[in-house]
N, C-alpha and C. Protein backbone atom coordinates (compact mmCIF):
# COMPACT_ATOMS: atom_id res chain seq x y z
N MET A 1 -2.26 6.55 10.12
CA MET A 1 -1.30 5.23 9.97
C MET A 1 0.12 5.81 9.62
N ALA A 2 0.70 5.39 9.59
CA ALA A 2 2.51 5.44 9.83
C ALA A 2 2.63 5.49 8.19
N LYS A 3 3.73 6.46 7.89
CA LYS A 3 3.96 6.28 6.25
C LYS A 3 4.99 5.37 5.98
N ALA A 4 4.82 4.22 5.16
CA ALA A 4 5.75 3.24 4.55
C ALA A 4 6.89 3.98 3.89
N LYS A 5 7.30 3.38 4.30
CA LYS A 5 9.33 2.99 3.64
C LYS A 5 9.34 2.28 3.39
N GLY A 6 9.65 2.07 1.74
CA GLY A 6 10.64 1.00 0.93
C GLY A 6 9.11 0.49 0.63
N LYS A 7 9.92 -0.70 -0.64
CA LYS A 7 8.98 -2.03 -0.91
C LYS A 7 8.55 -2.70 -0.09
N GLY A 8 9.43 -2.93 1.19
CA GLY A 8 8.90 -4.04 2.11
C GLY A 8 7.62 -3.75 2.82
N ASN A 9 7.98 -2.31 3.37
CA ASN A 9 6.53 -1.83 4.33
C ASN A 9 5.40 -1.33 3.29
N ALA A 10 5.59 -1.25 2.10
CA ALA A 10 4.38 -1.20 1.02
C ALA A 10 4.07 -2.36 1.01
N LYS A 11 4.31 -3.54 0.72
CA LYS A 11 3.61 -4.67 0.89
C LYS A 11 3.17 -4.85 2.52
N VAL A 12 3.59 -4.55 3.52
CA VAL A 12 3.16 -5.24 4.41
C VAL A 12 1.85 -3.73 4.84
N HIS A 13 1.79 -2.70 3.80
CA HIS A 13 0.39 -1.94 4.06
C HIS A 13 -0.65 -2.45 3.25
N GLN A 14 -0.20 -3.21 2.38
CA GLN A 14 -1.11 -3.62 1.11
C GLN A 14 -1.66 -4.83 1.86
N ILE A 15 -1.40 -5.77 2.65
CA ILE A 15 -1.45 -6.94 3.39
C ILE A 15 -2.34 -6.89 4.62
N ARG A 16 -1.97 -5.44 5.00
CA ARG A 16 -2.35 -5.18 6.29
C ARG A 16 -4.35 -4.14 5.77
N GLY A 17 -3.88 -3.55 4.93
CA GLY A 17 -5.40 -3.07 4.07
C GLY A 17 -6.34 -4.10 3.59
N LYS A 18 -5.97 -5.02 3.25
CA LYS A 18 -6.50 -6.46 2.82
C LYS A 18 -7.24 -7.19 3.71
N MET A 19 -6.73 -6.63 4.52
CA MET A 19 -7.16 -7.63 6.05
C MET A 19 -8.57 -6.80 6.36
N LYS A 20 -7.97 -5.56 6.21
CA LYS A 20 -8.94 -4.71 7.26
C LYS A 20 -10.21 -4.94 6.31
N GLU A 21 -10.22 -4.45 4.76
CA GLU A 21 -11.12 -4.68 3.87
C GLU A 21 -11.68 -6.33 4.00
N THR A 22 -11.82 -6.77 3.91
CA THR A 22 -11.90 -8.70 4.55
C THR A 22 -12.71 -8.63 5.41
N LEU A 23 -12.39 -8.31 6.79
CA LEU A 23 -12.54 -7.69 7.67
C LEU A 23 -14.00 -7.15 7.90
N GLY A 24 -13.94 -5.86 7.95
CA GLY A 24 -14.81 -4.73 6.76
C GLY A 24 -16.40 -5.62 6.42
N LYS A 25 -15.66 -5.98 5.15
CA LYS A 25 -16.95 -7.27 4.57
C LYS A 25 -17.23 -8.22 5.31
N ALA A 26 -16.62 -8.89 6.37
CA ALA A 26 -16.86 -9.67 6.85
C ALA A 26 -18.14 -9.16 8.18
N LEU A 27 -17.70 -8.03 8.49
CA LEU A 27 -18.68 -7.54 9.49
C LEU A 27 -19.98 -6.65 9.17
N GLY A 28 -20.10 -6.27 7.69
CA GLY A 28 -20.74 -5.81 6.99
C GLY A 28 -20.82 -4.13 7.19
N ASP A 29 -19.26 -3.78 7.37
CA ASP A 29 -18.69 -2.31 8.19
C ASP A 29 -17.92 -1.80 6.25
N SER A 30 -19.07 -1.31 6.11
CA SER A 30 -18.29 -1.09 4.61
C SER A 30 -17.13 0.80 4.55
N SER A 31 -17.43 1.28 5.89
CA SER A 31 -16.29 2.29 6.47
C SER A 31 -14.62 1.63 6.35
N MET A 32 -14.68 0.04 7.53
CA MET A 32 -13.63 -0.46 7.67
C MET A 32 -12.92 -0.61 6.21
N GLN A 33 -14.37 -1.20 5.41
CA GLN A 33 -13.79 -1.92 4.22
C GLN A 33 -13.64 -0.60 3.24
N GLN A 34 -13.85 0.68 2.92
CA GLN A 34 -13.50 1.45 2.17
C GLN A 34 -11.48 2.05 2.99
N ALA A 35 -11.54 2.07 4.21
CA ALA A 35 -10.34 2.33 4.99
C ALA A 35 -9.31 1.54 4.37
N GLY A 36 -9.73 0.04 4.26
CA GLY A 36 -9.21 -0.77 3.64
C GLY A 36 -8.25 -1.22 2.43
N ARG A 37 -9.61 -1.00 1.47
CA ARG A 37 -9.31 -0.54 0.44
C ARG A 37 -8.32 1.26 -0.26
N GLY A 38 -8.71 2.02 1.18
CA GLY A 38 -7.78 3.17 0.49
C GLY A 38 -6.23 3.02 0.95
N GLU A 39 -5.80 2.15 1.98
CA GLU A 39 -4.91 1.43 2.68
C GLU A 39 -4.18 0.78 1.28
N GLN A 40 -4.45 0.11 0.54
CA GLN A 40 -4.13 -0.69 -0.52
C GLN A 40 -3.60 -0.17 -1.38
N LEU A 41 -4.27 1.25 -2.18
CA LEU A 41 -4.63 1.69 -2.86
C LEU A 41 -3.11 3.05 -2.78
N ARG A 42 -3.34 3.12 -1.61
CA ARG A 42 -2.20 4.05 -0.66
C ARG A 42 -0.42 4.01 -1.20
N ALA A 43 -1.02 2.40 -0.52
CA ALA A 43 0.49 1.03 -0.45
C ALA A 43 1.24 0.95 -1.88
N LYS A 44 -0.25 0.59 -2.59
CA LYS A 44 0.19 0.30 -4.34
C LYS A 44 1.17 1.88 -4.84
N ALA A 45 0.76 2.80 -4.26
CA ALA A 45 1.45 3.63 -5.37
C ALA A 45 2.33 4.33 -4.85
N HIS A 46 2.61 4.10 -3.24
CA HIS A 46 4.04 4.16 -2.61
C HIS A 46 4.87 2.96 -3.33
N GLU A 47 5.09 1.98 -3.53
CA GLU A 47 5.65 0.93 -4.27
C GLU A 47 5.48 1.03 -5.78
N MET A 48 5.02 1.45 -6.54
CA MET A 48 5.00 1.72 -7.90
C MET A 48 6.14 3.30 -8.17
N THR A 49 6.03 4.11 -7.15
CA THR A 49 6.49 5.10 -6.72
C THR A 49 8.07 5.00 -6.86
N GLU A 50 8.51 4.29 -5.72
CA GLU A 50 10.05 3.38 -5.23
C GLU A 50 10.31 3.32 -6.79
N LYS A 51 9.58 2.07 -7.41
CA LYS A 51 9.83 1.56 -8.22
C LYS A 51 10.47 2.34 -9.26
N ALA A 52 9.84 3.34 -10.08
CA ALA A 52 10.08 4.54 -10.84
C ALA A 52 10.87 5.26 -10.28
N THR A 53 11.20 5.45 -9.10
CA THR A 53 12.72 6.31 -8.84
C THR A 53 14.21 5.74 -8.82
N GLY A 54 13.40 4.09 -8.88
CA GLY A 54 14.58 3.31 -8.69
C GLY A 54 15.06 3.34 -10.36
N HIS A 55 14.31 3.02 -10.96
CA HIS A 55 14.47 2.61 -12.66
C HIS A 55 15.09 4.27 -13.02
N LEU A 56 14.36 5.39 -12.76
CA LEU A 56 15.66 6.66 -12.55
C LEU A 56 17.06 6.80 -12.28
N ARG A 57 16.61 6.54 -11.34
CA ARG A 57 18.37 6.09 -10.73
C ARG A 57 19.40 5.62 -11.10
N LYS A 58 19.05 4.79 -11.95
CA LYS A 58 19.83 3.50 -12.36
C LYS A 58 19.99 4.17 -14.05
N ARG A 59 19.00 4.98 -14.88
CA ARG A 59 19.58 5.07 -16.10
C ARG A 59 20.24 6.10 -15.96
N SER A 60 20.08 7.07 -14.88
CA SER A 60 21.42 8.23 -14.35
C SER A 60 22.26 8.05 -14.20
N GLY A 61 22.29 7.20 -13.61
CA GLY A 61 23.66 6.32 -12.99
C GLY A 61 24.31 6.81 -11.72
N HIS A 62 23.10 7.37 -10.85
CA HIS A 62 22.82 7.40 -9.17
C HIS A 62 23.03 5.90 -8.76
C-alpha cells in the first residue's frame, strides 16, 4: 500500500478500506475484512496526525 500523504489521500484510503471490508464481508473473507479495517484505521491515524501537526504549527507561528 502506498503511504497516504495529506488529508485528502487519508480519506481515499479510508474509503478504500471500507470498500475492502464490505467486500470481504459479502464474500465471507475475514482476512479481507481485517485488511480493510486496518487500512481504515491507518488512514484515520494519519489524518489525525496531520490535523494535530497543523494545530501545532499554527500555535507556534510556522
